[in-house]
PDB file of N, CA and C in Angstrom:
ATOM      1  N   MET A   1      28.738 247.307  27.005  1.00  0.00           N
ATOM      2  CA  MET A   1      29.249 247.598  28.592  1.00  0.00           C
ATOM      3  C   MET A   1      30.700 246.806  28.607  1.00  0.00           C
ATOM      4  N   GLU A   2      31.512 247.500  29.520  1.00  0.00           N
ATOM      5  CA  GLU A   2      32.927 246.763  29.553  1.00  0.00           C
ATOM      6  C   GLU A   2      32.842 246.318  31.112  1.00  0.00           C
ATOM      7  N   HIS A   3      33.644 245.031  31.255  1.00  0.00           N
ATOM      8  CA  HIS A   3      33.753 244.619  32.304  1.00  0.00           C
ATOM      9  C   HIS A   3      35.122 243.793  32.447  1.00  0.00           C
ATOM     10  N   GLN A   4      35.847 244.195  33.427  1.00  0.00           N
ATOM     11  CA  GLN A   4      37.504 243.857  33.462  1.00  0.00           C
ATOM     12  C   GLN A   4      38.010 243.745  32.198  1.00  0.00           C
ATOM     13  N   GLY A   5      38.056 244.975  31.276  1.00  0.00           N
ATOM     14  CA  GLY A   5      38.668 245.054  30.228  1.00  0.00           C
ATOM     15  C   GLY A   5      38.174 244.011  29.140  1.00  0.00           C
ATOM     16  N   LYS A   6      36.806 243.505  29.166  1.00  0.00           N
ATOM     17  CA  LYS A   6      36.275 243.097  27.778  1.00  0.00           C
ATOM     18  C   LYS A   6      35.071 243.789  27.790  1.00  0.00           C
ATOM     19  N   LEU A   7      34.962 243.759  26.283  1.00  0.00           N
ATOM     20  CA  LEU A   7      33.604 244.498  25.994  1.00  0.00           C
ATOM     21  C   LEU A   7      32.455 243.366  25.715  1.00  0.00           C
ATOM     22  N   HIS A   8      31.409 243.817  26.540  1.00  0.00           N
ATOM     23  CA  HIS A   8      30.203 242.818  26.188  1.00  0.00           C
ATOM     24  C   HIS A   8      29.102 243.597  25.656  1.00  0.00           C
ATOM     25  N   VAL A   9      28.600 243.073  24.409  1.00  0.00           N
ATOM     26  CA  VAL A   9      27.670 243.603  23.645  1.00  0.00           C
ATOM     27  C   VAL A   9      26.331 242.950  24.095  1.00  0.00           C
ATOM     28  N   PHE A  10      25.217 243.942  24.394  1.00  0.00           N
ATOM     29  CA  PHE A  10      23.637 243.305  24.537  1.00  0.00           C
ATOM     30  C   PHE A  10      22.892 243.808  23.366  1.00  0.00           C
ATOM     31  N   TYR A  11      22.087 242.821  23.089  1.00  0.00           N
ATOM     32  CA  TYR A  11      20.909 243.351  22.114  1.00  0.00           C
ATOM     33  C   TYR A  11      19.872 243.673  22.759  1.00  0.00           C
ATOM     34  N   SER A  12      18.847 244.271  22.114  1.00  0.00           N
ATOM     35  CA  SER A  12      17.766 244.734  22.531  1.00  0.00           C
ATOM     36  C   SER A  12      16.671 243.575  22.950  1.00  0.00           C
ATOM     37  N   GLU A  13      15.683 243.802  23.637  1.00  0.00           N
ATOM     38  CA  GLU A  13      14.782 242.876  24.138  1.00  0.00           C
ATOM     39  C   GLU A  13      13.817 242.288  23.307  1.00  0.00           C
ATOM     40  N   THR A  14      13.975 242.814  22.047  1.00  0.00           N
ATOM     41  CA  THR A  14      13.045 241.959  20.774  1.00  0.00           C
ATOM     42  C   THR A  14      14.063 241.480  19.939  1.00  0.00           C
ATOM     43  N   GLU A  15      15.457 241.605  19.829  1.00  0.00           N
ATOM     44  CA  GLU A  15      16.328 241.095  18.922  1.00  0.00           C
ATOM     45  C   GLU A  15      17.468 240.122  19.709  1.00  0.00           C
ATOM     46  N   VAL A  16      17.781 239.011  19.041  1.00  0.00           N
ATOM     47  CA  VAL A  16      18.692 238.166  19.519  1.00  0.00           C
ATOM     48  C   VAL A  16      20.108 238.560  18.829  1.00  0.00           C
ATOM     49  N   GLY A  17      21.091 238.265  19.364  1.00  0.00           N
ATOM     50  CA  GLY A  17      22.392 238.513  18.709  1.00  0.00           C
ATOM     51  C   GLY A  17      22.588 237.478  17.682  1.00  0.00           C
ATOM     52  N   PRO A  18      23.865 237.742  16.779  1.00  0.00           N
ATOM     53  CA  PRO A  18      24.025 236.733  15.752  1.00  0.00           C
ATOM     54  C   PRO A  18      24.475 235.198  16.116  1.00  0.00           C
ATOM     55  N   VAL A  19      25.121 235.291  17.294  1.00  0.00           N
ATOM     56  CA  VAL A  19      25.687 233.856  17.830  1.00  0.00           C
ATOM     57  C   VAL A  19      24.420 233.041  18.197  1.00  0.00           C
ATOM     58  N   THR A  20      23.539 233.685  19.119  1.00  0.00           N
ATOM     59  CA  THR A  20      22.299 233.086  19.794  1.00  0.00           C
ATOM     60  C   THR A  20      21.510 232.792  18.462  1.00  0.00           C
ATOM     61  N   LYS A  21      21.138 233.462  17.344  1.00  0.00           N
ATOM     62  CA  LYS A  21      20.376 233.117  16.109  1.00  0.00           C
ATOM     63  C   LYS A  21      21.025 231.891  15.683  1.00  0.00           C
ATOM     64  N   LYS A  22      22.299 231.972  15.422  1.00  0.00           N
ATOM     65  CA  LYS A  22      22.965 230.586  14.691  1.00  0.00           C
ATOM     66  C   LYS A  22      22.793 229.462  15.528  1.00  0.00           C
ATOM     67  N   LEU A  23      22.935 229.506  16.784  1.00  0.00           N
ATOM     68  CA  LEU A  23      22.848 228.425  17.832  1.00  0.00           C
ATOM     69  C   LEU A  23      21.327 228.035  17.435  1.00  0.00           C
ATOM     70  N   TYR A  24      20.275 228.883  17.587  1.00  0.00           N
ATOM     71  CA  TYR A  24      18.930 228.592  17.628  1.00  0.00           C
ATOM     72  C   TYR A  24      18.734 227.795  16.361  1.00  0.00           C
ATOM     73  N   ASP A  25      19.018 228.410  15.174  1.00  0.00           N
ATOM     74  CA  ASP A  25      18.742 227.774  13.900  1.00  0.00           C
ATOM     75  C   ASP A  25      19.289 226.536  13.804  1.00  0.00           C
ATOM     76  N   GLU A  26      20.569 226.495  14.337  1.00  0.00           N
ATOM     77  CA  GLU A  26      21.204 224.895  14.206  1.00  0.00           C
ATOM     78  C   GLU A  26      20.267 223.830  14.922  1.00  0.00           C
ATOM     79  N   LEU A  27      20.071 224.222  16.204  1.00  0.00           N
ATOM     80  CA  LEU A  27      19.317 223.322  17.070  1.00  0.00           C
ATOM     81  C   LEU A  27      18.200 223.255  16.730  1.00  0.00           C
ATOM     82  N   THR A  28      17.203 224.167  16.426  1.00  0.00           N
ATOM     83  CA  THR A  28      15.978 223.599  15.777  1.00  0.00           C
ATOM     84  C   THR A  28      15.900 223.020  14.365  1.00  0.00           C
ATOM     85  N   GLY A  29      16.839 223.360  13.682  1.00  0.00           N
ATOM     86  CA  GLY A  29      17.089 222.431  12.388  1.00  0.00           C
ATOM     87  C   GLY A  29      17.440 221.069  12.558  1.00  0.00           C
ATOM     88  N   ILE A  30      18.219 220.801  13.453  1.00  0.00           N
ATOM     89  CA  ILE A  30      18.422 219.415  14.030  1.00  0.00           C
ATOM     90  C   ILE A  30      17.084 218.727  14.783  1.00  0.00           C
ATOM     91  N   GLN A  31      16.308 219.604  15.596  1.00  0.00           N
ATOM     92  CA  GLN A  31      15.027 218.943  16.209  1.00  0.00           C
ATOM     93  C   GLN A  31      13.981 218.610  15.038  1.00  0.00           C
ATOM     94  N   PHE A  32      14.017 219.358  14.064  1.00  0.00           N
ATOM     95  CA  PHE A  32      12.920 219.185  13.160  1.00  0.00           C
ATOM     96  C   PHE A  32      13.375 218.471  11.872  1.00  0.00           C
ATOM     97  N   GLY A  33      14.786 217.953  11.783  1.00  0.00           N
ATOM     98  CA  GLY A  33      15.117 217.245  10.671  1.00  0.00           C
ATOM     99  C   GLY A  33      15.494 217.834   9.368  1.00  0.00           C
ATOM    100  N   ASP A  34      15.655 219.341   9.656  1.00  0.00           N
ATOM    101  CA  ASP A  34      16.039 219.884   8.455  1.00  0.00           C
ATOM    102  C   ASP A  34      17.573 220.065   8.418  1.00  0.00           C
ATOM    103  N   ARG A  35      18.293 219.720   9.315  1.00  0.00           N
ATOM    104  CA  ARG A  35      19.676 219.683   9.311  1.00  0.00           C
ATOM    105  C   ARG A  35      20.093 218.442  10.048  1.00  0.00           C
ATOM    106  N   GLU A  36      21.311 217.877   9.481  1.00  0.00           N
ATOM    107  CA  GLU A  36      21.990 216.653  10.121  1.00  0.00           C
ATOM    108  C   GLU A  36      22.476 217.021  11.365  1.00  0.00           C
ATOM    109  N   ALA A  37      22.202 216.024  12.347  1.00  0.00           N
ATOM    110  CA  ALA A  37      23.016 216.089  13.542  1.00  0.00           C
ATOM    111  C   ALA A  37      24.157 215.455  13.591  1.00  0.00           C
ATOM    112  N   PRO A  38      25.257 216.218  14.527  1.00  0.00           N
ATOM    113  CA  PRO A  38      26.625 215.836  14.418  1.00  0.00           C
ATOM    114  C   PRO A  38      26.567 214.249  14.900  1.00  0.00           C
ATOM    115  N   GLU A  39      27.540 213.472  14.783  1.00  0.00           N
ATOM    116  CA  GLU A  39      27.615 212.242  15.059  1.00  0.00           C
ATOM    117  C   GLU A  39      27.701 212.021  16.748  1.00  0.00           C
ATOM    118  N   GLY A  40      26.551 211.248  16.970  1.00  0.00           N
ATOM    119  CA  GLY A  40      26.376 210.875  18.446  1.00  0.00           C
ATOM    120  C   GLY A  40      25.550 211.967  19.031  1.00  0.00           C
ATOM    121  N   TRP A  41      24.893 212.859  18.544  1.00  0.00           N
ATOM    122  CA  TRP A  41      24.013 213.656  19.160  1.00  0.00           C
ATOM    123  C   TRP A  41      22.445 213.122  19.271  1.00  0.00           C
ATOM    124  N   VAL A  42      22.210 212.221  18.338  1.00  0.00           N
ATOM    125  CA  VAL A  42      21.042 211.572  18.405  1.00  0.00           C
ATOM    126  C   VAL A  42      21.014 210.172  18.903  1.00  0.00           C
ATOM    127  N   GLN A  43      20.322 209.881  20.076  1.00  0.00           N
ATOM    128  CA  GLN A  43      20.298 208.554  20.513  1.00  0.00           C
ATOM    129  C   GLN A  43      19.020 208.000  20.476  1.00  0.00           C
ATOM    130  N   LYS A  44      18.841 206.594  20.100  1.00  0.00           N
ATOM    131  CA  LYS A  44      17.533 205.953  20.166  1.00  0.00           C
ATOM    132  C   LYS A  44      17.138 205.534  21.774  1.00  0.00           C
ATOM    133  N   VAL A  45      15.925 205.911  21.923  1.00  0.00           N
ATOM    134  CA  VAL A  45      15.617 205.529  23.237  1.00  0.00           C
ATOM    135  C   VAL A  45      14.459 204.580  23.270  1.00  0.00           C
ATOM    136  N   GLU A  46      14.791 203.176  23.723  1.00  0.00           N
ATOM    137  CA  GLU A  46      13.699 202.276  23.785  1.00  0.00           C
ATOM    138  C   GLU A  46      12.670 202.316  24.934  1.00  0.00           C
ATOM    139  N   LEU A  47      11.424 202.436  24.785  1.00  0.00           N
ATOM    140  CA  LEU A  47      10.520 202.412  25.917  1.00  0.00           C
ATOM    141  C   LEU A  47      10.020 200.921  25.947  1.00  0.00           C
ATOM    142  N   ASP A  48      10.055 200.558  27.181  1.00  0.00           N
ATOM    143  CA  ASP A  48       9.508 199.355  27.830  1.00  0.00           C
ATOM    144  C   ASP A  48       8.005 199.213  27.904  1.00  0.00           C
TER     145      ASP A  48
END
């Protein structure tokens, strides 16, 4: 689809695009401890 001179690519309902997949893989990797989080991303929260 083109809008205001820019091409926008949409993927199917069952498939994500490469940028979304990379972002998902990075975030879930950090969440599960498989990848190291960038400095400052993980904060310790103390419960009272």
